[in-house]
Amino acid sequence: MRVIMTFILLIGIIGCKNKQGDLKFSLKNETSFKLEDIIVGLPDTTLELEELEPNSRTKWIKVESAYSYGFLKFKDIYNNTYILQPIDYAGETLYKKGSMTFIITDLDTLEKRASTDFSIGEN
């Protein structure tokens, strides 16, 4: 009995260590502004990026999961801080496979507002 329990425990540990995300994630900046000090909050991880040039996108990053929107914090070239904080994800789909891109579509530097979108692919 003890051998069986040890075997089951080892299988569980090995399974957890080899677990990789099947969702590819990227962040796209469609604005004409360079973004800096970027933090992206996803359900299983937090991504930190130094900067993202105008009209560019990050490389794909493997993550466990993401919703179609999430926590974003960044600064523009005028040192304005933008924070997009979701209230909850009730009723939202949790994506675990394929590819997803959060898109920052527009910045209003006077009102300090950001507009966002997302795209989803099948891989």
C-alpha atoms as a PDB file:
ATOM      1  CA  MET A   1       0.000   0.000   0.000  1.00  0.00           C
ATOM      2  CA  ARG A   2       2.828   2.370   0.898  1.00  0.00           C
ATOM      3  CA  VAL A   3       4.528   1.715  -2.470  1.00  0.00           C
ATOM      4  CA  ILE A   4       1.323   2.507  -4.346  1.00  0.00           C
ATOM      5  CA  MET A   5       0.829   5.804  -2.466  1.00  0.00           C
ATOM      6  CA  THR A   6       4.461   6.803  -3.118  1.00  0.00           C
ATOM      7  CA  PHE A   7       4.048   5.989  -6.821  1.00  0.00           C
ATOM      8  CA  ILE A   8       0.855   8.072  -7.059  1.00  0.00           C
ATOM      9  CA  LEU A   9       2.555  10.978  -5.286  1.00  0.00           C
ATOM     10  CA  LEU A  10       5.554  10.852  -7.656  1.00  0.00           C
ATOM     11  CA  ILE A  11       3.290  10.797 -10.723  1.00  0.00           C
ATOM     12  CA  GLY A  12       1.483  13.867  -9.395  1.00  0.00           C
ATOM     13  CA  ILE A  13       4.715  15.768  -8.779  1.00  0.00           C
ATOM     14  CA  ILE A  14       6.162  14.903 -12.188  1.00  0.00           C
ATOM     15  CA  GLY A  15       2.887  15.859 -13.874  1.00  0.00           C
ATOM     16  CA  CYS A  16       2.906  19.275 -12.197  1.00  0.00           C
ATOM     17  CA  LYS A  17       6.515  20.012 -13.080  1.00  0.00           C
ATOM     18  CA  ASN A  18       6.036  19.148 -16.764  1.00  0.00           C
ATOM     19  CA  LYS A  19       2.857  21.182 -17.099  1.00  0.00           C
ATOM     20  CA  GLN A  20       3.248  23.940 -19.693  1.00  0.00           C
ATOM     21  CA  GLY A  21       0.765  26.472 -20.876  1.00  0.00           C
ATOM     22  CA  ASP A  22      -0.972  25.752 -24.141  1.00  0.00           C
ATOM     23  CA  LEU A  23      -2.036  29.365 -24.666  1.00  0.00           C
ATOM     24  CA  LYS A  24       0.230  31.746 -26.553  1.00  0.00           C
ATOM     25  CA  PHE A  25      -0.174  35.334 -25.357  1.00  0.00           C
ATOM     26  CA  SER A  26       1.027  38.661 -26.735  1.00  0.00           C
ATOM     27  CA  LEU A  27       0.446  42.357 -26.122  1.00  0.00           C
ATOM     28  CA  LYS A  28       0.030  44.707 -29.070  1.00  0.00           C
ATOM     29  CA  ASN A  29       0.414  48.487 -29.051  1.00  0.00           C
ATOM     30  CA  GLU A  30      -1.648  50.011 -31.871  1.00  0.00           C
ATOM     31  CA  THR A  31      -1.151  53.551 -30.564  1.00  0.00           C
ATOM     32  CA  SER A  32       1.341  56.127 -31.789  1.00  0.00           C
ATOM     33  CA  PHE A  33       2.928  56.289 -28.324  1.00  0.00           C
ATOM     34  CA  LYS A  34       5.773  54.302 -26.820  1.00  0.00           C
ATOM     35  CA  LEU A  35       4.537  52.491 -23.691  1.00  0.00           C
ATOM     36  CA  GLU A  36       6.779  51.851 -20.688  1.00  0.00           C
ATOM     37  CA  ASP A  37       6.783  50.002 -17.348  1.00  0.00           C
ATOM     38  CA  ILE A  38       4.070  47.618 -18.522  1.00  0.00           C
ATOM     39  CA  ILE A  39       2.416  45.094 -16.211  1.00  0.00           C
ATOM     40  CA  VAL A  40      -0.103  42.557 -17.518  1.00  0.00           C
ATOM     41  CA  GLY A  41      -2.051  40.541 -14.958  1.00  0.00           C
ATOM     42  CA  LEU A  42      -3.295  37.152 -16.118  1.00  0.00           C
ATOM     43  CA  PRO A  43      -5.060  34.516 -13.990  1.00  0.00           C
ATOM     44  CA  ASP A  44      -1.927  32.410 -13.470  1.00  0.00           C
ATOM     45  CA  THR A  45       0.913  34.876 -13.978  1.00  0.00           C
ATOM     46  CA  THR A  46       1.998  38.495 -14.115  1.00  0.00           C
ATOM     47  CA  LEU A  47       4.051  39.724 -17.061  1.00  0.00           C
ATOM     48  CA  GLU A  48       6.345  42.720 -16.801  1.00  0.00           C
ATOM     49  CA  LEU A  49       7.712  44.499 -19.866  1.00  0.00           C
ATOM     50  CA  GLU A  50      10.081  47.456 -19.970  1.00  0.00           C
ATOM     51  CA  GLU A  51       8.637  49.014 -23.116  1.00  0.00           C
ATOM     52  CA  LEU A  52       6.582  48.487 -26.236  1.00  0.00           C
ATOM     53  CA  GLU A  53       7.137  50.638 -29.288  1.00  0.00           C
ATOM     54  CA  PRO A  54       4.224  52.196 -31.234  1.00  0.00           C
ATOM     55  CA  ASN A  55       2.493  49.805 -33.645  1.00  0.00           C
ATOM     56  CA  SER A  56       4.383  46.775 -32.380  1.00  0.00           C
ATOM     57  CA  ARG A  57       3.654  43.522 -30.603  1.00  0.00           C
ATOM     58  CA  THR A  58       5.519  41.368 -28.085  1.00  0.00           C
ATOM     59  CA  LYS A  59       6.790  37.920 -28.933  1.00  0.00           C
ATOM     60  CA  TRP A  60       4.495  35.045 -28.056  1.00  0.00           C
ATOM     61  CA  ILE A  61       4.647  34.036 -24.400  1.00  0.00           C
ATOM     62  CA  LYS A  62       3.289  30.659 -23.248  1.00  0.00           C
ATOM     63  CA  VAL A  63       0.850  31.040 -20.370  1.00  0.00           C
ATOM     64  CA  GLU A  64      -1.626  28.743 -18.625  1.00  0.00           C
ATOM     65  CA  SER A  65      -4.745  30.823 -19.296  1.00  0.00           C
ATOM     66  CA  ALA A  66      -6.251  34.255 -19.939  1.00  0.00           C
ATOM     67  CA  TYR A  67      -9.582  35.994 -20.211  1.00  0.00           C
ATOM     68  CA  SER A  68     -10.366  38.349 -23.103  1.00  0.00           C
ATOM     69  CA  TYR A  69      -9.340  41.246 -20.863  1.00  0.00           C
ATOM     70  CA  GLY A  70      -7.241  41.659 -17.766  1.00  0.00           C
ATOM     71  CA  PHE A  71      -5.247  43.950 -15.533  1.00  0.00           C
ATOM     72  CA  LEU A  72      -3.016  46.377 -17.428  1.00  0.00           C
ATOM     73  CA  LYS A  73      -0.778  49.094 -16.058  1.00  0.00           C
ATOM     74  CA  PHE A  74       1.636  51.191 -18.100  1.00  0.00           C
ATOM     75  CA  LYS A  75       3.040  54.684 -18.667  1.00  0.00           C
ATOM     76  CA  ASP A  76       3.064  56.817 -21.795  1.00  0.00           C
ATOM     77  CA  ILE A  77       5.852  59.128 -22.996  1.00  0.00           C
ATOM     78  CA  TYR A  78       4.460  61.942 -20.812  1.00  0.00           C
ATOM     79  CA  ASN A  79       4.812  59.716 -17.721  1.00  0.00           C
ATOM     80  CA  ASN A  80       1.015  59.418 -17.364  1.00  0.00           C
ATOM     81  CA  THR A  81       0.054  56.148 -15.667  1.00  0.00           C
ATOM     82  CA  TYR A  82      -2.848  54.117 -17.064  1.00  0.00           C
ATOM     83  CA  ILE A  83      -4.485  51.371 -15.012  1.00  0.00           C
ATOM     84  CA  LEU A  84      -7.164  49.067 -16.383  1.00  0.00           C
ATOM     85  CA  GLN A  85      -8.545  47.020 -13.502  1.00  0.00           C
ATOM     86  CA  PRO A  86     -11.243  44.406 -14.204  1.00  0.00           C
ATOM     87  CA  ILE A  87     -13.944  44.188 -11.561  1.00  0.00           C
ATOM     88  CA  ASP A  88     -14.593  40.487 -12.073  1.00  0.00           C
ATOM     89  CA  TYR A  89     -14.671  37.782 -14.710  1.00  0.00           C
ATOM     90  CA  ALA A  90     -18.149  36.421 -13.936  1.00  0.00           C
ATOM     91  CA  GLY A  91     -19.582  34.729 -17.003  1.00  0.00           C
ATOM     92  CA  GLU A  92     -16.391  35.233 -19.041  1.00  0.00           C
ATOM     93  CA  THR A  93     -14.636  32.487 -20.980  1.00  0.00           C
ATOM     94  CA  LEU A  94     -11.268  31.331 -19.650  1.00  0.00           C
ATOM     95  CA  TYR A  95      -9.047  30.535 -22.643  1.00  0.00           C
ATOM     96  CA  LYS A  96      -6.425  27.809 -22.203  1.00  0.00           C
ATOM     97  CA  LYS A  97      -5.456  26.891 -25.793  1.00  0.00           C
ATOM     98  CA  GLY A  98      -4.701  28.710 -29.014  1.00  0.00           C
ATOM     99  CA  SER A  99      -3.405  32.254 -29.089  1.00  0.00           C
ATOM    100  CA  MET A 100      -4.596  35.530 -27.621  1.00  0.00           C
ATOM    101  CA  THR A 101      -3.472  39.120 -28.039  1.00  0.00           C
ATOM    102  CA  PHE A 102      -4.447  42.011 -25.777  1.00  0.00           C
ATOM    103  CA  ILE A 103      -4.496  45.146 -27.938  1.00  0.00           C
ATOM    104  CA  ILE A 104      -4.086  48.693 -26.691  1.00  0.00           C
ATOM    105  CA  THR A 105      -5.937  50.505 -29.466  1.00  0.00           C
ATOM    106  CA  ASP A 106      -5.923  54.141 -28.377  1.00  0.00           C
ATOM    107  CA  LEU A 107      -4.689  56.520 -25.684  1.00  0.00           C
ATOM    108  CA  ASP A 108      -6.342  59.758 -24.638  1.00  0.00           C
ATOM    109  CA  THR A 109      -3.434  61.526 -22.938  1.00  0.00           C
ATOM    110  CA  LEU A 110      -5.598  64.452 -21.766  1.00  0.00           C
ATOM    111  CA  GLU A 111      -8.217  62.278 -20.040  1.00  0.00           C
ATOM    112  CA  LYS A 112      -5.678  59.550 -19.222  1.00  0.00           C
ATOM    113  CA  ARG A 113      -7.862  56.845 -20.752  1.00  0.00           C
ATOM    114  CA  ALA A 114      -6.889  53.789 -22.747  1.00  0.00           C
ATOM    115  CA  SER A 115      -9.017  51.779 -25.156  1.00  0.00           C
ATOM    116  CA  THR A 116      -8.380  48.068 -25.534  1.00  0.00           C
ATOM    117  CA  ASP A 117      -9.452  45.107 -27.624  1.00  0.00           C
ATOM    118  CA  PHE A 118      -8.349  41.503 -28.073  1.00  0.00           C
ATOM    119  CA  SER A 119      -7.985  38.874 -30.754  1.00  0.00           C
ATOM    120  CA  ILE A 120      -8.112  35.109 -30.461  1.00  0.00           C
ATOM    121  CA  GLY A 121      -6.591  32.524 -32.781  1.00  0.00           C
ATOM    122  CA  GLU A 122      -6.554  28.752 -32.929  1.00  0.00           C
ATOM    123  CA  ASN A 123      -2.730  28.428 -33.040  1.00  0.00           C
END
